[in-house]
C-alpha atoms as a PDB file:
ATOM      1  CA  UNK A   1       9.338  39.867   9.267  1.00  0.00           C
ATOM      2  CA  UNK A   2       7.786  41.987  11.981  1.00  0.00           C
ATOM      3  CA  UNK A   3       8.787  41.871  15.610  1.00  0.00           C
ATOM      4  CA  UNK A   4       6.116  40.955  18.106  1.00  0.00           C
ATOM      5  CA  UNK A   5       7.740  42.623  21.114  1.00  0.00           C
ATOM      6  CA  UNK A   6       5.902  45.919  20.880  1.00  0.00           C
ATOM      7  CA  UNK A   7       2.595  44.057  20.875  1.00  0.00           C
ATOM      8  CA  UNK A   8       3.477  42.155  24.046  1.00  0.00           C
ATOM      9  CA  UNK A   9       3.742  45.263  26.180  1.00  0.00           C
ATOM     10  CA  UNK A  10       0.032  45.849  26.783  1.00  0.00           C
ATOM     11  CA  UNK A  11      -0.980  45.266  30.362  1.00  0.00           C
ATOM     12  CA  UNK A  12      -3.387  42.444  31.147  1.00  0.00           C
ATOM     13  CA  UNK A  13      -6.041  45.043  32.073  1.00  0.00           C
ATOM     14  CA  UNK A  14      -5.701  46.727  28.674  1.00  0.00           C
ATOM     15  CA  UNK A  15      -5.983  43.350  26.932  1.00  0.00           C
ATOM     16  CA  UNK A  16      -9.174  42.515  28.820  1.00  0.00           C
ATOM     17  CA  UNK A  17     -10.605  45.916  27.955  1.00  0.00           C
ATOM     18  CA  UNK A  18      -9.863  45.452  24.250  1.00  0.00           C
ATOM     19  CA  UNK A  19     -10.986  41.794  24.334  1.00  0.00           C
ATOM     20  CA  UNK A  20      -7.770  40.896  22.523  1.00  0.00           C
ATOM     21  CA  UNK A  21      -5.331  38.208  23.560  1.00  0.00           C
ATOM     22  CA  UNK A  22      -1.764  37.646  22.477  1.00  0.00           C
ATOM     23  CA  UNK A  23      -0.344  34.196  21.756  1.00  0.00           C
ATOM     24  CA  UNK A  24       2.773  32.531  20.391  1.00  0.00           C
ATOM     25  CA  UNK A  25       2.336  29.340  18.365  1.00  0.00           C
ATOM     26  CA  UNK A  26       5.036  26.901  17.254  1.00  0.00           C
ATOM     27  CA  UNK A  27       4.574  25.143  13.922  1.00  0.00           C
ATOM     28  CA  UNK A  28       6.300  21.915  12.928  1.00  0.00           C
ATOM     29  CA  UNK A  29       6.043  19.296  10.202  1.00  0.00           C
ATOM     30  CA  UNK A  30       8.120  16.427   8.857  1.00  0.00           C
ATOM     31  CA  UNK A  31       5.803  14.542   6.510  1.00  0.00           C
ATOM     32  CA  UNK A  32       5.178  14.884   2.794  1.00  0.00           C
ATOM     33  CA  UNK A  33       5.186  18.474   1.447  1.00  0.00           C
ATOM     34  CA  UNK A  34       6.404  20.140   4.647  1.00  0.00           C
ATOM     35  CA  UNK A  35       6.336  23.774   3.493  1.00  0.00           C
ATOM     36  CA  UNK A  36       2.817  23.297   2.134  1.00  0.00           C
ATOM     37  CA  UNK A  37       1.603  22.050   5.530  1.00  0.00           C
ATOM     38  CA  UNK A  38       3.095  25.132   7.207  1.00  0.00           C
ATOM     39  CA  UNK A  39       1.583  27.479   4.639  1.00  0.00           C
ATOM     40  CA  UNK A  40      -1.833  25.798   4.846  1.00  0.00           C
ATOM     41  CA  UNK A  41      -1.807  26.201   8.631  1.00  0.00           C
ATOM     42  CA  UNK A  42      -0.937  29.904   8.236  1.00  0.00           C
ATOM     43  CA  UNK A  43      -3.675  30.337   5.621  1.00  0.00           C
ATOM     44  CA  UNK A  44      -6.213  28.821   8.030  1.00  0.00           C
ATOM     45  CA  UNK A  45      -5.145  31.258  10.732  1.00  0.00           C
ATOM     46  CA  UNK A  46      -5.069  34.285   8.413  1.00  0.00           C
ATOM     47  CA  UNK A  47      -8.568  33.651   7.050  1.00  0.00           C
ATOM     48  CA  UNK A  48     -10.120  33.485  10.516  1.00  0.00           C
ATOM     49  CA  UNK A  49     -11.532  36.853  11.618  1.00  0.00           C
ATOM     50  CA  UNK A  50     -10.788  35.989  15.261  1.00  0.00           C
ATOM     51  CA  UNK A  51      -7.047  35.658  14.624  1.00  0.00           C
ATOM     52  CA  UNK A  52      -4.609  38.306  13.405  1.00  0.00           C
ATOM     53  CA  UNK A  53      -1.089  37.214  12.456  1.00  0.00           C
ATOM     54  CA  UNK A  54       1.301  39.753  13.995  1.00  0.00           C
ATOM     55  CA  UNK A  55       4.735  38.245  13.315  1.00  0.00           C
ATOM     56  CA  UNK A  56       6.369  35.154  11.906  1.00  0.00           C
ATOM     57  CA  UNK A  57       9.871  33.802  12.292  1.00  0.00           C
ATOM     58  CA  UNK A  58      12.078  32.316   9.663  1.00  0.00           C
ATOM     59  CA  UNK A  59      11.494  28.661   8.810  1.00  0.00           C
ATOM     60  CA  UNK A  60      14.181  26.333  10.140  1.00  0.00           C
ATOM     61  CA  UNK A  61      15.062  22.821   9.050  1.00  0.00           C
ATOM     62  CA  UNK A  62      15.742  20.750  12.137  1.00  0.00           C
ATOM     63  CA  UNK A  63      16.703  17.280  13.242  1.00  0.00           C
ATOM     64  CA  UNK A  64      13.978  15.339  15.058  1.00  0.00           C
ATOM     65  CA  UNK A  65      13.618  15.844  18.800  1.00  0.00           C
ATOM     66  CA  UNK A  66      12.972  12.867  21.078  1.00  0.00           C
ATOM     67  CA  UNK A  67      12.401  10.077  18.545  1.00  0.00           C
ATOM     68  CA  UNK A  68      15.392  10.572  16.238  1.00  0.00           C
ATOM     69  CA  UNK A  69      14.467   7.800  13.765  1.00  0.00           C
ATOM     70  CA  UNK A  70      12.357   9.955  11.428  1.00  0.00           C
ATOM     71  CA  UNK A  71      12.623  12.644   8.750  1.00  0.00           C
ATOM     72  CA  UNK A  72      13.858  16.173   9.439  1.00  0.00           C
ATOM     73  CA  UNK A  73      11.343  18.854  10.408  1.00  0.00           C
ATOM     74  CA  UNK A  74      10.514  22.350   9.290  1.00  0.00           C
ATOM     75  CA  UNK A  75       9.805  24.597  12.292  1.00  0.00           C
ATOM     76  CA  UNK A  76       8.728  28.200  12.841  1.00  0.00           C
ATOM     77  CA  UNK A  77       7.033  30.368  15.459  1.00  0.00           C
ATOM     78  CA  UNK A  78       4.304  32.944  14.935  1.00  0.00           C
ATOM     79  CA  UNK A  79       2.710  35.618  17.091  1.00  0.00           C
ATOM     80  CA  UNK A  80      -1.024  36.268  16.872  1.00  0.00           C
ATOM     81  CA  UNK A  81      -3.621  38.554  18.388  1.00  0.00           C
ATOM     82  CA  UNK A  82      -6.912  36.792  18.931  1.00  0.00           C
ATOM     83  CA  UNK A  83     -10.334  37.236  20.447  1.00  0.00           C
ATOM     84  CA  UNK A  84     -10.386  33.513  21.260  1.00  0.00           C
ATOM     85  CA  UNK A  85     -10.033  32.438  24.864  1.00  0.00           C
ATOM     86  CA  UNK A  86      -7.138  30.159  25.765  1.00  0.00           C
ATOM     87  CA  UNK A  87      -9.157  26.934  25.456  1.00  0.00           C
ATOM     88  CA  UNK A  88     -10.949  28.035  22.288  1.00  0.00           C
ATOM     89  CA  UNK A  89      -7.652  28.914  20.611  1.00  0.00           C
ATOM     90  CA  UNK A  90      -6.182  25.546  21.627  1.00  0.00           C
ATOM     91  CA  UNK A  91      -9.235  23.737  20.232  1.00  0.00           C
ATOM     92  CA  UNK A  92      -9.067  25.800  17.037  1.00  0.00           C
ATOM     93  CA  UNK A  93      -5.401  24.833  16.555  1.00  0.00           C
ATOM     94  CA  UNK A  94      -6.242  21.145  17.074  1.00  0.00           C
ATOM     95  CA  UNK A  95      -9.044  21.554  14.517  1.00  0.00           C
ATOM     96  CA  UNK A  96      -6.584  22.963  11.961  1.00  0.00           C
ATOM     97  CA  UNK A  97      -4.284  19.989  12.574  1.00  0.00           C
ATOM     98  CA  UNK A  98      -7.150  17.558  11.996  1.00  0.00           C
ATOM     99  CA  UNK A  99      -8.343  19.397   8.875  1.00  0.00           C
ATOM    100  CA  UNK A 100      -4.831  19.242   7.429  1.00  0.00           C
ATOM    101  CA  UNK A 101      -4.773  15.471   7.935  1.00  0.00           C
ATOM    102  CA  UNK A 102      -2.771  15.104  11.114  1.00  0.00           C
ATOM    103  CA  UNK A 103      -2.870  11.577  12.385  1.00  0.00           C
ATOM    104  CA  UNK A 104      -2.058  11.069  16.027  1.00  0.00           C
ATOM    105  CA  UNK A 105       1.116   9.056  16.398  1.00  0.00           C
ATOM    106  CA  UNK A 106       3.389   8.197  19.266  1.00  0.00           C
ATOM    107  CA  UNK A 107       4.943  10.978  21.326  1.00  0.00           C
ATOM    108  CA  UNK A 108       7.531  12.922  19.307  1.00  0.00           C
ATOM    109  CA  UNK A 109       6.600  10.900  16.226  1.00  0.00           C
ATOM    110  CA  UNK A 110       6.301  12.034  12.616  1.00  0.00           C
ATOM    111  CA  UNK A 111       3.499  14.487  11.887  1.00  0.00           C
ATOM    112  CA  UNK A 112       1.843  16.274   9.024  1.00  0.00           C
ATOM    113  CA  UNK A 113       1.467  19.412  11.117  1.00  0.00           C
ATOM    114  CA  UNK A 114       1.936  20.323  14.750  1.00  0.00           C
ATOM    115  CA  UNK A 115       0.591  23.582  16.184  1.00  0.00           C
ATOM    116  CA  UNK A 116       1.706  24.097  19.776  1.00  0.00           C
ATOM    117  CA  UNK A 117       0.365  26.943  21.871  1.00  0.00           C
ATOM    118  CA  UNK A 118       3.515  28.258  23.569  1.00  0.00           C
ATOM    119  CA  UNK A 119       2.244  31.309  25.444  1.00  0.00           C
ATOM    120  CA  UNK A 120      -1.132  32.981  25.892  1.00  0.00           C
ATOM    121  CA  UNK A 121      -0.750  36.509  27.282  1.00  0.00           C
ATOM    122  CA  UNK A 122       1.139  35.932  30.533  1.00  0.00           C
ATOM    123  CA  UNK A 123      -1.151  33.095  31.635  1.00  0.00           C
ATOM    124  CA  UNK A 124      -0.027  30.016  33.481  1.00  0.00           C
ATOM    125  CA  UNK A 125      -2.459  27.156  32.898  1.00  0.00           C
ATOM    126  CA  UNK A 126      -2.494  23.374  33.106  1.00  0.00           C
ATOM    127  CA  UNK A 127      -5.077  20.661  32.548  1.00  0.00           C
ATOM    128  CA  UNK A 128      -4.958  17.124  31.099  1.00  0.00           C
ATOM    129  CA  UNK A 129      -4.603  18.328  27.495  1.00  0.00           C
ATOM    130  CA  UNK A 130      -2.826  21.660  27.718  1.00  0.00           C
ATOM    131  CA  UNK A 131       0.037  23.298  29.582  1.00  0.00           C
ATOM    132  CA  UNK A 132       0.757  26.996  29.038  1.00  0.00           C
ATOM    133  CA  UNK A 133       3.530  28.052  28.871  1.00  0.00           C
ATOM    134  CA  UNK A 134       4.294  24.973  26.819  1.00  0.00           C
ATOM    135  CA  UNK A 135       6.386  22.613  28.948  1.00  0.00           C
ATOM    136  CA  UNK A 136      10.105  22.387  28.290  1.00  0.00           C
ATOM    137  CA  UNK A 137      10.351  24.940  25.508  1.00  0.00           C
ATOM    138  CA  UNK A 138      13.461  26.457  27.079  1.00  0.00           C
ATOM    139  CA  UNK A 139      15.298  23.234  26.148  1.00  0.00           C
ATOM    140  CA  UNK A 140      14.123  23.180  22.519  1.00  0.00           C
ATOM    141  CA  UNK A 141      16.240  25.250  20.179  1.00  0.00           C
ATOM    142  CA  UNK A 142      13.794  24.659  17.308  1.00  0.00           C
ATOM    143  CA  UNK A 143      11.272  26.696  19.328  1.00  0.00           C
ATOM    144  CA  UNK A 144      13.501  29.138  21.188  1.00  0.00           C
ATOM    145  CA  UNK A 145      15.592  30.384  18.276  1.00  0.00           C
ATOM    146  CA  UNK A 146      12.564  31.258  16.084  1.00  0.00           C
ATOM    147  CA  UNK A 147      10.820  32.745  19.142  1.00  0.00           C
ATOM    148  CA  UNK A 148      13.875  34.882  19.946  1.00  0.00           C
ATOM    149  CA  UNK A 149      13.751  36.137  16.363  1.00  0.00           C
ATOM    150  CA  UNK A 150      10.282  37.685  16.785  1.00  0.00           C
ATOM    151  CA  UNK A 151      10.046  38.345  20.538  1.00  0.00           C
ATOM    152  CA  UNK A 152      13.430  38.614  22.275  1.00  0.00           C
ATOM    153  CA  UNK A 153      12.015  40.808  25.069  1.00  0.00           C
ATOM    154  CA  UNK A 154       8.963  38.683  25.847  1.00  0.00           C
ATOM    155  CA  UNK A 155       9.141  37.489  29.459  1.00  0.00           C
ATOM    156  CA  UNK A 156       8.463  33.810  30.159  1.00  0.00           C
ATOM    157  CA  UNK A 157       5.770  33.979  32.877  1.00  0.00           C
ATOM    158  CA  UNK A 158       7.149  31.000  34.832  1.00  0.00           C
ATOM    159  CA  UNK A 159      10.894  31.509  34.441  1.00  0.00           C
ATOM    160  CA  UNK A 160      10.561  35.325  34.738  1.00  0.00           C
ATOM    161  CA  UNK A 161      13.263  35.835  32.118  1.00  0.00           C
ATOM    162  CA  UNK A 162      13.349  37.410  28.685  1.00  0.00           C
ATOM    163  CA  UNK A 163      13.396  34.984  25.773  1.00  0.00           C
ATOM    164  CA  UNK A 164      16.744  36.485  24.700  1.00  0.00           C
ATOM    165  CA  UNK A 165      18.182  35.670  28.148  1.00  0.00           C
ATOM    166  CA  UNK A 166      16.872  32.101  28.105  1.00  0.00           C
ATOM    167  CA  UNK A 167      17.965  31.461  24.541  1.00  0.00           C
ATOM    168  CA  UNK A 168      21.716  31.798  24.289  1.00  0.00           C
ATOM    169  CA  UNK A 169      23.552  31.598  20.982  1.00  0.00           C
ATOM    170  CA  UNK A 170      25.008  28.182  21.786  1.00  0.00           C
ATOM    171  CA  UNK A 171      21.814  26.175  22.362  1.00  0.00           C
ATOM    172  CA  UNK A 172      21.557  25.022  18.748  1.00  0.00           C
ATOM    173  CA  UNK A 173      21.405  21.237  18.970  1.00  0.00           C
ATOM    174  CA  UNK A 174      18.798  20.274  16.398  1.00  0.00           C
ATOM    175  CA  UNK A 175      18.805  23.169  13.933  1.00  0.00           C
ATOM    176  CA  UNK A 176      20.320  22.208  10.589  1.00  0.00           C
ATOM    177  CA  UNK A 177      19.784  25.523   8.813  1.00  0.00           C
ATOM    178  CA  UNK A 178      17.585  28.555   8.383  1.00  0.00           C
ATOM    179  CA  UNK A 179      15.694  28.056   5.126  1.00  0.00           C
ATOM    180  CA  UNK A 180      14.639  30.596   2.501  1.00  0.00           C
ATOM    181  CA  UNK A 181      10.978  29.623   2.876  1.00  0.00           C
ATOM    182  CA  UNK A 182       8.493  32.339   3.847  1.00  0.00           C
ATOM    183  CA  UNK A 183       5.270  31.658   5.722  1.00  0.00           C
ATOM    184  CA  UNK A 184       3.325  34.649   4.437  1.00  0.00           C
END
């Protein structure tokens, strides 16, 4: 596993000059062959010339969040460099979900694959479909613990705190265990 922190330190001006953006993406699944859905999502990202996988967290088995009457999830977080814009990356992630058979269900319902755009550079953005930074991640251990693993020094652009400062050791509410699965 590689840490993403060193790649987060470029200034926004340097990123614009290099035409490269940095993003964190949360992955989750609780239907069928869960590890296969995660690996297929990673394969889609890795085979796209506009996306470069920089780091990936461990895979965690977690209890459901919100709607608790469903199967346990597998969750992870990855860091990528991309030449996609914010909206194009979001649309690309939704396309991967659709291609992997994701069916829209109720909020916090079961899913084949979920790819959530957590952060995009240090941008703050909101429209009807997308909020970046992803809303409420500081309350979700299944996102924060894997994120802390790969980017403890990344600063949340709204909260103005390092991930390691937001994510204390005692926030584990839904994590069952760290698995032995590898994403790449």
